[in-house]
PDB file of N, CA and C in Angstrom:
ATOM      1  N   MET A   1      11.281  21.257  -4.289  1.00  0.00           N
ATOM      2  CA  MET A   1      12.042  20.923  -5.480  1.00  0.00           C
ATOM      3  C   MET A   1      11.631  19.546  -5.979  1.00  0.00           C
ATOM      4  N   ASP A   2      11.524  19.395  -7.269  1.00  0.00           N
ATOM      5  CA  ASP A   2      11.111  18.141  -7.882  1.00  0.00           C
ATOM      6  C   ASP A   2      12.325  17.229  -7.981  1.00  0.00           C
ATOM      7  N   GLU A   3      12.298  16.120  -7.248  1.00  0.00           N
ATOM      8  CA  GLU A   3      13.452  15.221  -7.231  1.00  0.00           C
ATOM      9  C   GLU A   3      13.686  14.528  -8.565  1.00  0.00           C
ATOM     10  N   ASP A   4      12.642  14.450  -9.413  1.00  0.00           N
ATOM     11  CA  ASP A   4      12.799  13.823 -10.719  1.00  0.00           C
ATOM     12  C   ASP A   4      13.352  14.791 -11.761  1.00  0.00           C
ATOM     13  N   ARG A   5      13.248  16.070 -11.505  1.00  0.00           N
ATOM     14  CA  ARG A   5      13.621  17.070 -12.508  1.00  0.00           C
ATOM     15  C   ARG A   5      15.127  17.107 -12.656  1.00  0.00           C
ATOM     16  N   ASP A   6      15.561  17.028 -13.860  1.00  0.00           N
ATOM     17  CA  ASP A   6      16.973  17.107 -14.199  1.00  0.00           C
ATOM     18  C   ASP A   6      17.026  17.809 -15.540  1.00  0.00           C
ATOM     19  N   GLU A   7      17.740  18.895 -15.634  1.00  0.00           N
ATOM     20  CA  GLU A   7      17.787  19.683 -16.871  1.00  0.00           C
ATOM     21  C   GLU A   7      18.279  18.867 -18.054  1.00  0.00           C
ATOM     22  N   GLU A   8      18.989  17.779 -17.784  1.00  0.00           N
ATOM     23  CA  GLU A   8      19.504  16.930 -18.850  1.00  0.00           C
ATOM     24  C   GLU A   8      18.449  15.967 -19.382  1.00  0.00           C
ATOM     25  N   LYS A   9      17.394  15.748 -18.614  1.00  0.00           N
ATOM     26  CA  LYS A   9      16.398  14.738 -18.982  1.00  0.00           C
ATOM     27  C   LYS A   9      15.194  15.384 -19.665  1.00  0.00           C
ATOM     28  N   PRO A  10      14.756  14.785 -20.798  1.00  0.00           N
ATOM     29  CA  PRO A  10      13.548  15.291 -21.461  1.00  0.00           C
ATOM     30  C   PRO A  10      12.307  15.059 -20.590  1.00  0.00           C
ATOM     31  N   ASP A  11      11.247  15.814 -20.854  1.00  0.00           N
ATOM     32  CA  ASP A  11      10.015  15.698 -20.071  1.00  0.00           C
ATOM     33  C   ASP A  11       9.447  14.283 -20.062  1.00  0.00           C
ATOM     34  N   TRP A  12       9.516  13.592 -21.216  1.00  0.00           N
ATOM     35  CA  TRP A  12       8.958  12.240 -21.278  1.00  0.00           C
ATOM     36  C   TRP A  12       9.706  11.279 -20.350  1.00  0.00           C
ATOM     37  N   TRP A  13      10.998  11.506 -20.155  1.00  0.00           N
ATOM     38  CA  TRP A  13      11.797  10.675 -19.255  1.00  0.00           C
ATOM     39  C   TRP A  13      11.352  10.916 -17.815  1.00  0.00           C
ATOM     40  N   VAL A  14      11.223  12.180 -17.451  1.00  0.00           N
ATOM     41  CA  VAL A  14      10.820  12.540 -16.093  1.00  0.00           C
ATOM     42  C   VAL A  14       9.436  11.967 -15.786  1.00  0.00           C
ATOM     43  N   LYS A  15       8.519  12.058 -16.749  1.00  0.00           N
ATOM     44  CA  LYS A  15       7.169  11.516 -16.562  1.00  0.00           C
ATOM     45  C   LYS A  15       7.227  10.009 -16.320  1.00  0.00           C
ATOM     46  N   ASN A  16       8.049   9.315 -17.085  1.00  0.00           N
ATOM     47  CA  ASN A  16       8.163   7.875 -16.923  1.00  0.00           C
ATOM     48  C   ASN A  16       8.765   7.530 -15.562  1.00  0.00           C
ATOM     49  N   GLN A  17       9.747   8.305 -15.123  1.00  0.00           N
ATOM     50  CA  GLN A  17      10.340   8.071 -13.794  1.00  0.00           C
ATOM     51  C   GLN A  17       9.273   8.194 -12.713  1.00  0.00           C
ATOM     52  N   ARG A  18       8.453   9.239 -12.801  1.00  0.00           N
ATOM     53  CA  ARG A  18       7.399   9.451 -11.797  1.00  0.00           C
ATOM     54  C   ARG A  18       6.415   8.294 -11.788  1.00  0.00           C
ATOM     55  N   THR A  19       6.001   7.871 -12.985  1.00  0.00           N
ATOM     56  CA  THR A  19       5.045   6.775 -13.085  1.00  0.00           C
ATOM     57  C   THR A  19       5.607   5.513 -12.456  1.00  0.00           C
ATOM     58  N   ARG A  20       6.845   5.199 -12.766  1.00  0.00           N
ATOM     59  CA  ARG A  20       7.460   4.001 -12.195  1.00  0.00           C
ATOM     60  C   ARG A  20       7.598   4.107 -10.679  1.00  0.00           C
ATOM     61  N   ARG A  21       7.985   5.287 -10.203  1.00  0.00           N
ATOM     62  CA  ARG A  21       8.106   5.459  -8.751  1.00  0.00           C
ATOM     63  C   ARG A  21       6.738   5.306  -8.088  1.00  0.00           C
ATOM     64  N   ASP A  22       5.705   5.923  -8.683  1.00  0.00           N
ATOM     65  CA  ASP A  22       4.360   5.849  -8.117  1.00  0.00           C
ATOM     66  C   ASP A  22       3.824   4.419  -8.084  1.00  0.00           C
ATOM     67  N   MET A  23       4.280   3.588  -8.998  1.00  0.00           N
ATOM     68  CA  MET A  23       3.831   2.192  -9.074  1.00  0.00           C
ATOM     69  C   MET A  23       4.804   1.245  -8.385  1.00  0.00           C
ATOM     70  N   ASP A  24       5.802   1.817  -7.705  1.00  0.00           N
ATOM     71  CA  ASP A  24       6.813   1.042  -6.991  1.00  0.00           C
ATOM     72  C   ASP A  24       7.533   0.066  -7.926  1.00  0.00           C
ATOM     73  N   LEU A  25       7.907   0.567  -9.104  1.00  0.00           N
ATOM     74  CA  LEU A  25       8.637  -0.214 -10.097  1.00  0.00           C
ATOM     75  C   LEU A  25      10.101   0.213 -10.104  1.00  0.00           C
ATOM     76  N   PRO A  26      10.967  -0.587 -10.706  1.00  0.00           N
ATOM     77  CA  PRO A  26      12.392  -0.206 -10.780  1.00  0.00           C
ATOM     78  C   PRO A  26      12.572   1.103 -11.546  1.00  0.00           C
ATOM     79  N   GLU A  27      13.726   1.718 -11.371  1.00  0.00           N
ATOM     80  CA  GLU A  27      14.041   2.996 -12.000  1.00  0.00           C
ATOM     81  C   GLU A  27      13.955   2.910 -13.523  1.00  0.00           C
ATOM     82  N   TYR A  28      13.460   3.983 -14.142  1.00  0.00           N
ATOM     83  CA  TYR A  28      13.340   4.056 -15.593  1.00  0.00           C
ATOM     84  C   TYR A  28      14.651   4.498 -16.226  1.00  0.00           C
ATOM     85  N   THR A  29      15.039   3.805 -17.262  1.00  0.00           N
ATOM     86  CA  THR A  29      16.144   4.202 -18.122  1.00  0.00           C
ATOM     87  C   THR A  29      15.650   4.022 -19.547  1.00  0.00           C
ATOM     88  N   PRO A  30      15.707   5.065 -20.380  1.00  0.00           N
ATOM     89  CA  PRO A  30      15.194   4.936 -21.742  1.00  0.00           C
ATOM     90  C   PRO A  30      16.018   3.973 -22.588  1.00  0.00           C
ATOM     91  N   PRO A  31      15.468   3.564 -23.738  1.00  0.00           N
ATOM     92  CA  PRO A  31      16.204   2.637 -24.606  1.00  0.00           C
ATOM     93  C   PRO A  31      17.611   3.143 -24.907  1.00  0.00           C
ATOM     94  N   ARG A  32      18.553   2.204 -24.901  1.00  0.00           N
ATOM     95  CA  ARG A  32      19.951   2.566 -25.121  1.00  0.00           C
ATOM     96  C   ARG A  32      20.641   1.434 -25.878  1.00  0.00           C
ATOM     97  N   PHE A  33      21.758   1.787 -26.460  1.00  0.00           N
ATOM     98  CA  PHE A  33      22.565   0.796 -27.165  1.00  0.00           C
ATOM     99  C   PHE A  33      23.379   0.006 -26.146  1.00  0.00           C
ATOM    100  N   ALA A  34      23.964  -1.091 -26.584  1.00  0.00           N
ATOM    101  CA  ALA A  34      24.731  -1.959 -25.679  1.00  0.00           C
ATOM    102  C   ALA A  34      25.871  -1.211 -24.992  1.00  0.00           C
ATOM    103  N   ASP A  35      26.394  -0.149 -25.620  1.00  0.00           N
ATOM    104  CA  ASP A  35      27.484   0.613 -25.002  1.00  0.00           C
ATOM    105  C   ASP A  35      26.976   1.665 -24.014  1.00  0.00           C
ATOM    106  N   GLY A  36      25.651   1.725 -23.802  1.00  0.00           N
ATOM    107  CA  GLY A  36      25.069   2.646 -22.832  1.00  0.00           C
ATOM    108  C   GLY A  36      24.595   3.966 -23.404  1.00  0.00           C
ATOM    109  N   VAL A  37      24.882   4.249 -24.666  1.00  0.00           N
ATOM    110  CA  VAL A  37      24.453   5.501 -25.294  1.00  0.00           C
ATOM    111  C   VAL A  37      22.951   5.416 -25.567  1.00  0.00           C
ATOM    112  N   TYR A  38      22.223   6.464 -25.177  1.00  0.00           N
ATOM    113  CA  TYR A  38      20.777   6.486 -25.366  1.00  0.00           C
ATOM    114  C   TYR A  38      20.414   6.681 -26.832  1.00  0.00           C
ATOM    115  N   THR A  39      19.421   5.906 -27.292  1.00  0.00           N
ATOM    116  CA  THR A  39      18.981   6.026 -28.682  1.00  0.00           C
ATOM    117  C   THR A  39      18.452   7.426 -28.976  1.00  0.00           C
ATOM    118  N   HIS A  40      17.816   8.066 -27.979  1.00  0.00           N
ATOM    119  CA  HIS A  40      17.256   9.400 -28.223  1.00  0.00           C
ATOM    120  C   HIS A  40      18.334  10.481 -28.368  1.00  0.00           C
ATOM    121  N   GLU A  41      19.569  10.155 -28.043  1.00  0.00           N
ATOM    122  CA  GLU A  41      20.665  11.107 -28.257  1.00  0.00           C
ATOM    123  C   GLU A  41      21.302  10.917 -29.632  1.00  0.00           C
ATOM    124  N   VAL A  42      21.267   9.697 -30.145  1.00  0.00           N
ATOM    125  CA  VAL A  42      21.909   9.383 -31.420  1.00  0.00           C
ATOM    126  C   VAL A  42      20.997   9.699 -32.604  1.00  0.00           C
ATOM    127  N   ALA A  43      19.741   9.295 -32.520  1.00  0.00           N
ATOM    128  CA  ALA A  43      18.830   9.435 -33.662  1.00  0.00           C
ATOM    129  C   ALA A  43      18.712  10.880 -34.164  1.00  0.00           C
ATOM    130  N   PRO A  44      18.514  11.894 -33.311  1.00  0.00           N
ATOM    131  CA  PRO A  44      18.383  13.259 -33.829  1.00  0.00           C
ATOM    132  C   PRO A  44      19.634  13.764 -34.548  1.00  0.00           C
ATOM    133  N   VAL A  45      20.803  13.360 -34.089  1.00  0.00           N
ATOM    134  CA  VAL A  45      22.048  13.766 -34.737  1.00  0.00           C
ATOM    135  C   VAL A  45      22.114  13.172 -36.141  1.00  0.00           C
ATOM    136  N   LEU A  46      21.815  11.875 -36.243  1.00  0.00           N
ATOM    137  CA  LEU A  46      21.815  11.226 -37.552  1.00  0.00           C
ATOM    138  C   LEU A  46      20.739  11.809 -38.464  1.00  0.00           C
ATOM    139  N   GLU A  47      19.569  12.089 -37.912  1.00  0.00           N
ATOM    140  CA  GLU A  47      18.494  12.681 -38.711  1.00  0.00           C
ATOM    141  C   GLU A  47      18.926  14.017 -39.303  1.00  0.00           C
ATOM    142  N   ALA A  48      19.575  14.837 -38.498  1.00  0.00           N
ATOM    143  CA  ALA A  48      20.037  16.147 -38.972  1.00  0.00           C
ATOM    144  C   ALA A  48      21.125  15.997 -40.031  1.00  0.00           C
ATOM    145  N   GLN A  49      22.040  15.073 -39.801  1.00  0.00           N
ATOM    146  CA  GLN A  49      23.140  14.875 -40.751  1.00  0.00           C
ATOM    147  C   GLN A  49      22.662  14.291 -42.072  1.00  0.00           C
ATOM    148  N   LEU A  50      21.695  13.381 -42.002  1.00  0.00           N
ATOM    149  CA  LEU A  50      21.275  12.644 -43.185  1.00  0.00           C
ATOM    150  C   LEU A  50      19.973  13.166 -43.807  1.00  0.00           C
ATOM    151  N   GLY A  51      19.296  14.086 -43.107  1.00  0.00           N
ATOM    152  CA  GLY A  51      18.054  14.640 -43.634  1.00  0.00           C
ATOM    153  C   GLY A  51      16.938  13.615 -43.733  1.00  0.00           C
ATOM    154  N   CYS A  52      16.757  12.825 -42.691  1.00  0.00           N
ATOM    155  CA  CYS A  52      15.723  11.790 -42.704  1.00  0.00           C
ATOM    156  C   CYS A  52      15.109  11.668 -41.313  1.00  0.00           C
ATOM    157  N   ASP A  53      14.084  10.842 -41.209  1.00  0.00           N
ATOM    158  CA  ASP A  53      13.429  10.544 -39.945  1.00  0.00           C
ATOM    159  C   ASP A  53      13.801   9.119 -39.557  1.00  0.00           C
ATOM    160  N   ILE A  54      14.302   8.922 -38.340  1.00  0.00           N
ATOM    161  CA  ILE A  54      14.724   7.596 -37.880  1.00  0.00           C
ATOM    162  C   ILE A  54      13.874   7.205 -36.678  1.00  0.00           C
ATOM    163  N   GLN A  55      13.337   5.988 -36.730  1.00  0.00           N
ATOM    164  CA  GLN A  55      12.551   5.461 -35.622  1.00  0.00           C
ATOM    165  C   GLN A  55      12.956   4.018 -35.356  1.00  0.00           C
ATOM    166  N   PHE A  56      12.856   3.626 -34.107  1.00  0.00           N
ATOM    167  CA  PHE A  56      13.000   2.232 -33.719  1.00  0.00           C
ATOM    168  C   PHE A  56      11.582   1.739 -33.459  1.00  0.00           C
ATOM    169  N   ALA A  57      11.161   0.723 -34.173  1.00  0.00           N
ATOM    170  CA  ALA A  57       9.779   0.276 -34.048  1.00  0.00           C
ATOM    171  C   ALA A  57       9.700  -1.236 -34.186  1.00  0.00           C
ATOM    172  N   GLY A  58       8.756  -1.808 -33.493  1.00  0.00           N
ATOM    173  CA  GLY A  58       8.544  -3.238 -33.601  1.00  0.00           C
ATOM    174  C   GLY A  58       7.420  -3.542 -34.568  1.00  0.00           C
ATOM    175  N   LEU A  59       7.660  -4.459 -35.492  1.00  0.00           N
ATOM    176  CA  LEU A  59       6.571  -4.934 -36.336  1.00  0.00           C
ATOM    177  C   LEU A  59       5.662  -5.827 -35.502  1.00  0.00           C
ATOM    178  N   ASP A  60       6.261  -6.582 -34.605  1.00  0.00           N
ATOM    179  CA  ASP A  60       5.537  -7.362 -33.613  1.00  0.00           C
ATOM    180  C   ASP A  60       6.115  -6.907 -32.273  1.00  0.00           C
ATOM    181  N   PRO A  61       5.447  -5.975 -31.599  1.00  0.00           N
ATOM    182  CA  PRO A  61       6.056  -5.344 -30.423  1.00  0.00           C
ATOM    183  C   PRO A  61       6.170  -6.224 -29.187  1.00  0.00           C
ATOM    184  N   ARG A  62       5.738  -7.474 -29.270  1.00  0.00           N
ATOM    185  CA  ARG A  62       5.860  -8.347 -28.099  1.00  0.00           C
ATOM    186  C   ARG A  62       7.322  -8.681 -27.853  1.00  0.00           C
ATOM    187  N   TYR A  63       7.730  -8.586 -26.600  1.00  0.00           N
ATOM    188  CA  TYR A  63       9.091  -8.933 -26.219  1.00  0.00           C
ATOM    189  C   TYR A  63       9.236 -10.423 -26.330  1.00  0.00           C
ATOM    190  N   PRO A  64      10.273 -10.984 -26.865  1.00  0.00           N
ATOM    191  CA  PRO A  64      11.578 -10.433 -27.192  1.00  0.00           C
ATOM    192  C   PRO A  64      11.780 -10.145 -28.680  1.00  0.00           C
ATOM    193  N   GLU A  65      10.750  -9.868 -29.415  1.00  0.00           N
ATOM    194  CA  GLU A  65      10.897  -9.603 -30.843  1.00  0.00           C
ATOM    195  C   GLU A  65      11.865  -8.446 -31.086  1.00  0.00           C
ATOM    196  N   ASP A  66      12.640  -8.553 -32.165  1.00  0.00           N
ATOM    197  CA  ASP A  66      13.566  -7.483 -32.536  1.00  0.00           C
ATOM    198  C   ASP A  66      12.798  -6.228 -32.936  1.00  0.00           C
ATOM    199  N   TRP A  67      13.494  -5.122 -32.926  1.00  0.00           N
ATOM    200  CA  TRP A  67      12.961  -3.880 -33.465  1.00  0.00           C
ATOM    201  C   TRP A  67      13.486  -3.710 -34.878  1.00  0.00           C
ATOM    202  N   TYR A  68      12.793  -2.911 -35.638  1.00  0.00           N
ATOM    203  CA  TYR A  68      13.259  -2.501 -36.958  1.00  0.00           C
ATOM    204  C   TYR A  68      13.664  -1.047 -36.877  1.00  0.00           C
ATOM    205  N   VAL A  69      14.708  -0.703 -37.604  1.00  0.00           N
ATOM    206  CA  VAL A  69      15.056   0.706 -37.756  1.00  0.00           C
ATOM    207  C   VAL A  69      14.312   1.166 -38.994  1.00  0.00           C
ATOM    208  N   ARG A  70      13.461   2.151 -38.791  1.00  0.00           N
ATOM    209  CA  ARG A  70      12.671   2.705 -39.889  1.00  0.00           C
ATOM    210  C   ARG A  70      13.277   4.046 -40.286  1.00  0.00           C
ATOM    211  N   ILE A  71      13.522   4.206 -41.556  1.00  0.00           N
ATOM    212  CA  ILE A  71      14.049   5.454 -42.089  1.00  0.00           C
ATOM    213  C   ILE A  71      13.003   6.005 -43.043  1.00  0.00           C
ATOM    214  N   ASP A  72      12.522   7.215 -42.702  1.00  0.00           N
ATOM    215  CA  ASP A  72      11.431   7.843 -43.458  1.00  0.00           C
ATOM    216  C   ASP A  72      10.256   6.887 -43.627  1.00  0.00           C
ATOM    217  N   GLY A  73       9.937   6.161 -42.547  1.00  0.00           N
ATOM    218  CA  GLY A  73       8.763   5.309 -42.514  1.00  0.00           C
ATOM    219  C   GLY A  73       8.941   3.914 -43.074  1.00  0.00           C
ATOM    220  N   GLU A  74      10.082   3.619 -43.653  1.00  0.00           N
ATOM    221  CA  GLU A  74      10.324   2.309 -44.255  1.00  0.00           C
ATOM    222  C   GLU A  74      11.274   1.481 -43.387  1.00  0.00           C
ATOM    223  N   ALA A  75      10.869   0.245 -43.068  1.00  0.00           N
ATOM    224  CA  ALA A  75      11.739  -0.646 -42.294  1.00  0.00           C
ATOM    225  C   ALA A  75      12.974  -0.976 -43.123  1.00  0.00           C
ATOM    226  N   GLN A  76      14.157  -0.716 -42.549  1.00  0.00           N
ATOM    227  CA  GLN A  76      15.417  -0.917 -43.264  1.00  0.00           C
ATOM    228  C   GLN A  76      16.195  -2.136 -42.772  1.00  0.00           C
ATOM    229  N   PHE A  77      16.264  -2.290 -41.453  1.00  0.00           N
ATOM    230  CA  PHE A  77      16.978  -3.438 -40.905  1.00  0.00           C
ATOM    231  C   PHE A  77      16.529  -3.669 -39.473  1.00  0.00           C
ATOM    232  N   ARG A  78      16.830  -4.865 -38.979  1.00  0.00           N
ATOM    233  CA  ARG A  78      16.440  -5.255 -37.630  1.00  0.00           C
ATOM    234  C   ARG A  78      17.578  -4.986 -36.655  1.00  0.00           C
ATOM    235  N   VAL A  79      17.218  -4.724 -35.420  1.00  0.00           N
ATOM    236  CA  VAL A  79      18.187  -4.640 -34.335  1.00  0.00           C
ATOM    237  C   VAL A  79      17.652  -5.474 -33.172  1.00  0.00           C
ATOM    238  N   GLY A  80      18.535  -6.250 -32.580  1.00  0.00           N
ATOM    239  CA  GLY A  80      18.138  -7.050 -31.435  1.00  0.00           C
ATOM    240  C   GLY A  80      17.912  -6.159 -30.230  1.00  0.00           C
ATOM    241  N   ARG A  81      17.200  -6.676 -29.284  1.00  0.00           N
ATOM    242  CA  ARG A  81      16.994  -5.953 -28.030  1.00  0.00           C
ATOM    243  C   ARG A  81      16.869  -6.953 -26.907  1.00  0.00           C
ATOM    244  N   ARG A  82      17.092  -6.448 -25.701  1.00  0.00           N
ATOM    245  CA  ARG A  82      16.922  -7.259 -24.502  1.00  0.00           C
ATOM    246  C   ARG A  82      16.445  -6.337 -23.397  1.00  0.00           C
ATOM    247  N   ARG A  83      16.038  -6.903 -22.310  1.00  0.00           N
ATOM    248  CA  ARG A  83      15.629  -6.134 -21.131  1.00  0.00           C
ATOM    249  C   ARG A  83      16.708  -6.279 -20.062  1.00  0.00           C
ATOM    250  N   ASP A  84      16.990  -5.175 -19.368  1.00  0.00           N
ATOM    251  CA  ASP A  84      17.914  -5.271 -18.248  1.00  0.00           C
ATOM    252  C   ASP A  84      17.155  -5.741 -17.016  1.00  0.00           C
ATOM    253  N   ASP A  85      17.818  -5.817 -15.892  1.00  0.00           N
ATOM    254  CA  ASP A  85      17.190  -6.322 -14.666  1.00  0.00           C
ATOM    255  C   ASP A  85      16.011  -5.481 -14.208  1.00  0.00           C
ATOM    256  N   ALA A  86      15.964  -4.198 -14.612  1.00  0.00           N
ATOM    257  CA  ALA A  86      14.865  -3.312 -14.222  1.00  0.00           C
ATOM    258  C   ALA A  86      13.757  -3.273 -15.281  1.00  0.00           C
ATOM    259  N   GLY A  87      13.894  -4.084 -16.334  1.00  0.00           N
ATOM    260  CA  GLY A  87      12.879  -4.134 -17.377  1.00  0.00           C
ATOM    261  C   GLY A  87      13.022  -3.069 -18.454  1.00  0.00           C
ATOM    262  N   ASN A  88      14.154  -2.371 -18.472  1.00  0.00           N
ATOM    263  CA  ASN A  88      14.396  -1.343 -19.474  1.00  0.00           C
ATOM    264  C   ASN A  88      15.030  -1.961 -20.715  1.00  0.00           C
ATOM    265  N   THR A  89      14.787  -1.341 -21.868  1.00  0.00           N
ATOM    266  CA  THR A  89      15.244  -1.897 -23.151  1.00  0.00           C
ATOM    267  C   THR A  89      16.678  -1.513 -23.478  1.00  0.00           C
ATOM    268  N   VAL A  90      17.465  -2.518 -23.859  1.00  0.00           N
ATOM    269  CA  VAL A  90      18.834  -2.333 -24.330  1.00  0.00           C
ATOM    270  C   VAL A  90      18.901  -2.949 -25.716  1.00  0.00           C
TER     271      VAL A  90
END
């Protein structure tokens, strides 16, 4: 049985967990909001409701630069980000 496999987790999450484990890095947690809700759970719901494409992207991806929320490819506003103790983005 694959210890990383979880029906709740997308394939990209499982792949990242394996990579981190293989490199002896802290556990992977995908980007999430300060309240702990994962961005990948919120964006698709909003996209469906609003009929648009939403992405979190860095104009200057070096940490600690903010991300921009892009709607249909256009940067709309900035959101701050930080790293947790395991190096995951919040």
